[in-house]
């Protein structure tokens, strides 16, 4: 386990990209996708579509994970 962010590859609407997330956030994100019966790419695409221009994708994913586990 590392506290430093690690790059993870994603495909959003046919385009490759990557996000740098800490292991705990990446694992939690993957668990959420599994529980929702969607792929990590599909969940990331949904989050990407909802985020504002002032928020990076990695930050949006972290906030999504936080809200999910806080019940929000």
Protein backbone atom coordinates (compact mmCIF):
# COMPACT_ATOMS: atom_id res chain seq x y z
CA UNK A 1 0.00 0.00 0.00
CA UNK A 2 1.24 3.45 -0.83
CA UNK A 3 0.05 6.87 0.26
CA UNK A 4 1.42 8.37 -2.95
CA UNK A 5 -0.95 8.57 -5.91
CA UNK A 6 -0.49 5.94 -8.60
CA UNK A 7 -1.56 6.40 -12.23
CA UNK A 8 -4.48 4.27 -13.39
CA UNK A 9 -5.60 4.05 -17.02
CA UNK A 10 -9.23 4.63 -17.97
CA UNK A 11 -11.21 4.85 -21.18
CA UNK A 12 -13.88 7.55 -21.18
CA UNK A 13 -16.23 7.57 -24.15
CA UNK A 14 -13.60 5.95 -26.35
CA UNK A 15 -10.68 8.13 -25.24
CA UNK A 16 -7.81 6.89 -23.09
CA UNK A 17 -6.86 8.93 -20.05
CA UNK A 18 -5.32 8.33 -16.67
CA UNK A 19 -5.96 9.44 -13.11
CA UNK A 20 -3.55 9.48 -10.20
CA UNK A 21 -5.20 8.09 -7.09
CA UNK A 22 -3.97 6.70 -3.81
CA UNK A 23 -4.41 2.92 -3.43
CA UNK A 24 -7.22 3.27 -0.90
CA UNK A 25 -9.24 5.57 -3.15
CA UNK A 26 -8.68 3.35 -6.21
CA UNK A 27 -9.75 0.20 -4.33
CA UNK A 28 -12.83 1.95 -2.92
CA UNK A 29 -13.70 3.26 -6.39
CA UNK A 30 -13.43 -0.25 -7.86
CA UNK A 31 -15.59 -1.66 -5.02
CA UNK A 32 -18.29 0.94 -5.67
CA UNK A 33 -18.31 0.14 -9.40
CA UNK A 34 -18.61 -3.57 -8.62
CA UNK A 35 -21.50 -3.00 -6.19
CA UNK A 36 -23.28 -0.90 -8.83
CA UNK A 37 -22.65 -3.60 -11.45
CA UNK A 38 -20.90 -1.17 -13.79
CA UNK A 39 -17.38 -1.04 -15.11
CA UNK A 40 -14.82 1.30 -13.61
CA UNK A 41 -14.69 3.07 -16.98
CA UNK A 42 -18.48 3.58 -17.03
CA UNK A 43 -18.52 4.95 -13.49
CA UNK A 44 -15.59 7.25 -14.26
CA UNK A 45 -17.39 8.49 -17.39
CA UNK A 46 -20.50 9.30 -15.33
CA UNK A 47 -18.41 11.20 -12.77
CA UNK A 48 -16.55 12.98 -15.57
CA UNK A 49 -19.82 14.10 -17.15
CA UNK A 50 -21.06 15.51 -13.82
CA UNK A 51 -17.94 17.34 -12.68
CA UNK A 52 -17.38 21.02 -13.28
CA UNK A 53 -14.53 22.49 -15.27
CA UNK A 54 -12.84 23.63 -12.05
CA UNK A 55 -12.52 20.08 -10.73
CA UNK A 56 -10.05 17.52 -12.06
CA UNK A 57 -11.18 13.95 -12.66
CA UNK A 58 -9.04 12.48 -9.87
CA UNK A 59 -10.47 14.98 -7.39
CA UNK A 60 -14.00 14.29 -8.62
CA UNK A 61 -13.46 10.55 -8.09
CA UNK A 62 -12.09 11.11 -4.56
CA UNK A 63 -15.11 13.28 -3.69
CA UNK A 64 -17.46 10.67 -5.17
CA UNK A 65 -15.89 7.94 -3.04
CA UNK A 66 -16.05 10.14 0.06
CA UNK A 67 -19.72 10.99 -0.51
CA UNK A 68 -20.56 7.36 -1.19
CA UNK A 69 -19.13 6.20 2.14
CA UNK A 70 -20.59 9.14 4.02
CA UNK A 71 -24.01 8.17 2.72
CA UNK A 72 -24.41 11.29 0.56
